[in-house]
Amino acid sequence: MVNQERFFRALGKRVRDLRKKQRYSQEDMISFGFSARHWQRVEAGRPITVTTLLWICDTLHVSIERLVRYLDKVTYHHKTSNHPSNQKKIEWGG
């Protein structure tokens, strides 16, 4: 099952870390055309569009592949307890 909330939170953290690594402040992002509120929402892990993702990649000079690499590890969660393959088989003796 996909957990979009976890994906966008992880993406927001990665964007924030990359921004800081490049020594940009959130206010600097305004000069690239982002509103302060929009950028804060991105870093807070709010859902973004593909257009915004492309814009972020262009601004921070990073490929999409690099930006989202391994985020799928936090995106999916499995309900193993209810999955039929994980149910304990009950054998009836007679």
C-alpha atoms as a PDB file:
ATOM      1  CA  MET A   1       0.000   0.000   0.000  1.00  0.00           C
ATOM      2  CA  VAL A   2       1.347   3.439  -0.930  1.00  0.00           C
ATOM      3  CA  ASN A   3       1.821   5.979   1.839  1.00  0.00           C
ATOM      4  CA  GLN A   4       1.961   9.308   0.011  1.00  0.00           C
ATOM      5  CA  GLU A   5       2.260  11.299   3.225  1.00  0.00           C
ATOM      6  CA  ARG A   6       5.510   9.535   4.101  1.00  0.00           C
ATOM      7  CA  PHE A   7       6.814  10.034   0.562  1.00  0.00           C
ATOM      8  CA  PHE A   8       6.208  13.788   0.544  1.00  0.00           C
ATOM      9  CA  ARG A   9       7.611  14.223   4.067  1.00  0.00           C
ATOM     10  CA  ALA A  10      10.796  12.409   3.016  1.00  0.00           C
ATOM     11  CA  LEU A  11      10.955  14.438  -0.206  1.00  0.00           C
ATOM     12  CA  GLY A  12      10.524  17.680   1.738  1.00  0.00           C
ATOM     13  CA  LYS A  13      13.352  16.734   4.085  1.00  0.00           C
ATOM     14  CA  ARG A  14      15.593  15.858   1.156  1.00  0.00           C
ATOM     15  CA  VAL A  15      14.808  19.171  -0.568  1.00  0.00           C
ATOM     16  CA  ARG A  16      15.545  21.068   2.662  1.00  0.00           C
ATOM     17  CA  ASP A  17      18.832  19.209   3.171  1.00  0.00           C
ATOM     18  CA  LEU A  18      19.890  19.872  -0.418  1.00  0.00           C
ATOM     19  CA  ARG A  19      18.967  23.562  -0.140  1.00  0.00           C
ATOM     20  CA  LYS A  20      21.022  23.903   3.026  1.00  0.00           C
ATOM     21  CA  LYS A  21      23.937  21.990   1.504  1.00  0.00           C
ATOM     22  CA  GLN A  22      23.970  24.552  -1.302  1.00  0.00           C
ATOM     23  CA  ARG A  23      23.858  27.325   1.334  1.00  0.00           C
ATOM     24  CA  TYR A  24      20.518  28.757   0.269  1.00  0.00           C
ATOM     25  CA  SER A  25      18.040  30.115   2.774  1.00  0.00           C
ATOM     26  CA  GLN A  26      14.302  29.723   2.333  1.00  0.00           C
ATOM     27  CA  GLU A  27      14.236  33.424   1.497  1.00  0.00           C
ATOM     28  CA  ASP A  28      16.759  32.800  -1.315  1.00  0.00           C
ATOM     29  CA  MET A  29      14.200  30.547  -2.969  1.00  0.00           C
ATOM     30  CA  ILE A  30      12.064  33.643  -3.644  1.00  0.00           C
ATOM     31  CA  SER A  31      14.703  34.835  -6.115  1.00  0.00           C
ATOM     32  CA  PHE A  32      14.117  31.602  -8.071  1.00  0.00           C
ATOM     33  CA  GLY A  33      10.415  32.392  -8.356  1.00  0.00           C
ATOM     34  CA  PHE A  34       9.005  30.405  -5.444  1.00  0.00           C
ATOM     35  CA  SER A  35       6.810  32.171  -2.933  1.00  0.00           C
ATOM     36  CA  ALA A  36       8.012  31.836   0.643  1.00  0.00           C
ATOM     37  CA  ARG A  37       4.795  30.019   1.566  1.00  0.00           C
ATOM     38  CA  HIS A  38       5.080  27.595  -1.352  1.00  0.00           C
ATOM     39  CA  TRP A  39       8.665  26.713  -0.489  1.00  0.00           C
ATOM     40  CA  GLN A  40       7.803  26.230   3.182  1.00  0.00           C
ATOM     41  CA  ARG A  41       5.004  23.855   2.168  1.00  0.00           C
ATOM     42  CA  VAL A  42       7.400  21.854  -0.026  1.00  0.00           C
ATOM     43  CA  GLU A  43       9.868  21.444   2.826  1.00  0.00           C
ATOM     44  CA  ALA A  44       7.062  20.645   5.262  1.00  0.00           C
ATOM     45  CA  GLY A  45       6.214  17.639   3.126  1.00  0.00           C
ATOM     46  CA  ARG A  46       3.026  18.848   1.522  1.00  0.00           C
ATOM     47  CA  PRO A  47       2.147  17.207  -1.834  1.00  0.00           C
ATOM     48  CA  ILE A  48       3.623  18.890  -4.906  1.00  0.00           C
ATOM     49  CA  THR A  49       3.000  18.652  -8.640  1.00  0.00           C
ATOM     50  CA  VAL A  50       5.403  17.241 -11.201  1.00  0.00           C
ATOM     51  CA  THR A  51       5.829  20.811 -12.469  1.00  0.00           C
ATOM     52  CA  THR A  52       7.018  21.897  -9.020  1.00  0.00           C
ATOM     53  CA  LEU A  53       9.306  18.856  -8.811  1.00  0.00           C
ATOM     54  CA  LEU A  54      10.900  19.802 -12.142  1.00  0.00           C
ATOM     55  CA  TRP A  55      11.251  23.406 -10.988  1.00  0.00           C
ATOM     56  CA  ILE A  56      12.967  22.332  -7.759  1.00  0.00           C
ATOM     57  CA  CYS A  57      15.355  20.075  -9.674  1.00  0.00           C
ATOM     58  CA  ASP A  58      16.258  22.884 -12.068  1.00  0.00           C
ATOM     59  CA  THR A  59      16.718  25.351  -9.220  1.00  0.00           C
ATOM     60  CA  LEU A  60      18.916  23.056  -7.131  1.00  0.00           C
ATOM     61  CA  HIS A  61      20.728  21.569 -10.152  1.00  0.00           C
ATOM     62  CA  VAL A  62      19.800  17.998  -9.358  1.00  0.00           C
ATOM     63  CA  SER A  63      18.226  15.290 -11.492  1.00  0.00           C
ATOM     64  CA  ILE A  64      14.783  13.982 -10.638  1.00  0.00           C
ATOM     65  CA  GLU A  65      16.262  10.516 -10.320  1.00  0.00           C
ATOM     66  CA  ARG A  66      18.767  11.695  -7.714  1.00  0.00           C
ATOM     67  CA  LEU A  67      16.186  13.700  -5.797  1.00  0.00           C
ATOM     68  CA  VAL A  68      13.694  10.870  -5.417  1.00  0.00           C
ATOM     69  CA  ARG A  69      16.152   7.951  -5.319  1.00  0.00           C
ATOM     70  CA  TYR A  70      15.316   5.461  -2.556  1.00  0.00           C
ATOM     71  CA  LEU A  71      12.256   7.414  -1.398  1.00  0.00           C
ATOM     72  CA  ASP A  72      10.235   4.353  -2.341  1.00  0.00           C
ATOM     73  CA  LYS A  73      11.721   2.675   0.736  1.00  0.00           C
ATOM     74  CA  VAL A  74       9.581   4.930   2.940  1.00  0.00           C
ATOM     75  CA  THR A  75       6.618   5.128   0.578  1.00  0.00           C
ATOM     76  CA  TYR A  76       5.277   1.616   0.856  1.00  0.00           C
ATOM     77  CA  HIS A  77       4.088  -0.058   3.993  1.00  0.00           C
ATOM     78  CA  HIS A  78       2.873  -3.570   4.145  1.00  0.00           C
ATOM     79  CA  LYS A  79       0.118  -4.950   6.275  1.00  0.00           C
ATOM     80  CA  THR A  80       1.753  -8.264   6.913  1.00  0.00           C
ATOM     81  CA  SER A  81      -0.509  -9.329   9.746  1.00  0.00           C
ATOM     82  CA  ASN A  82      -3.588  -9.553   7.525  1.00  0.00           C
ATOM     83  CA  HIS A  83      -1.934 -10.946   4.426  1.00  0.00           C
ATOM     84  CA  PRO A  84      -3.072 -14.531   3.735  1.00  0.00           C
ATOM     85  CA  SER A  85       0.502 -15.763   3.307  1.00  0.00           C
ATOM     86  CA  ASN A  86       1.320 -14.590   6.834  1.00  0.00           C
ATOM     87  CA  GLN A  87      -1.649 -16.202   8.520  1.00  0.00           C
ATOM     88  CA  LYS A  88      -0.801 -19.116  10.770  1.00  0.00           C
ATOM     89  CA  LYS A  89      -2.211 -22.313   9.441  1.00  0.00           C
ATOM     90  CA  ILE A  90      -4.442 -24.156  11.836  1.00  0.00           C
ATOM     91  CA  GLU A  91      -4.345 -27.888  11.596  1.00  0.00           C
ATOM     92  CA  TRP A  92      -7.306 -29.790  12.908  1.00  0.00           C
ATOM     93  CA  GLY A  93      -6.507 -33.084  14.561  1.00  0.00           C
ATOM     94  CA  GLY A  94      -9.048 -35.809  14.658  1.00  0.00           C
END
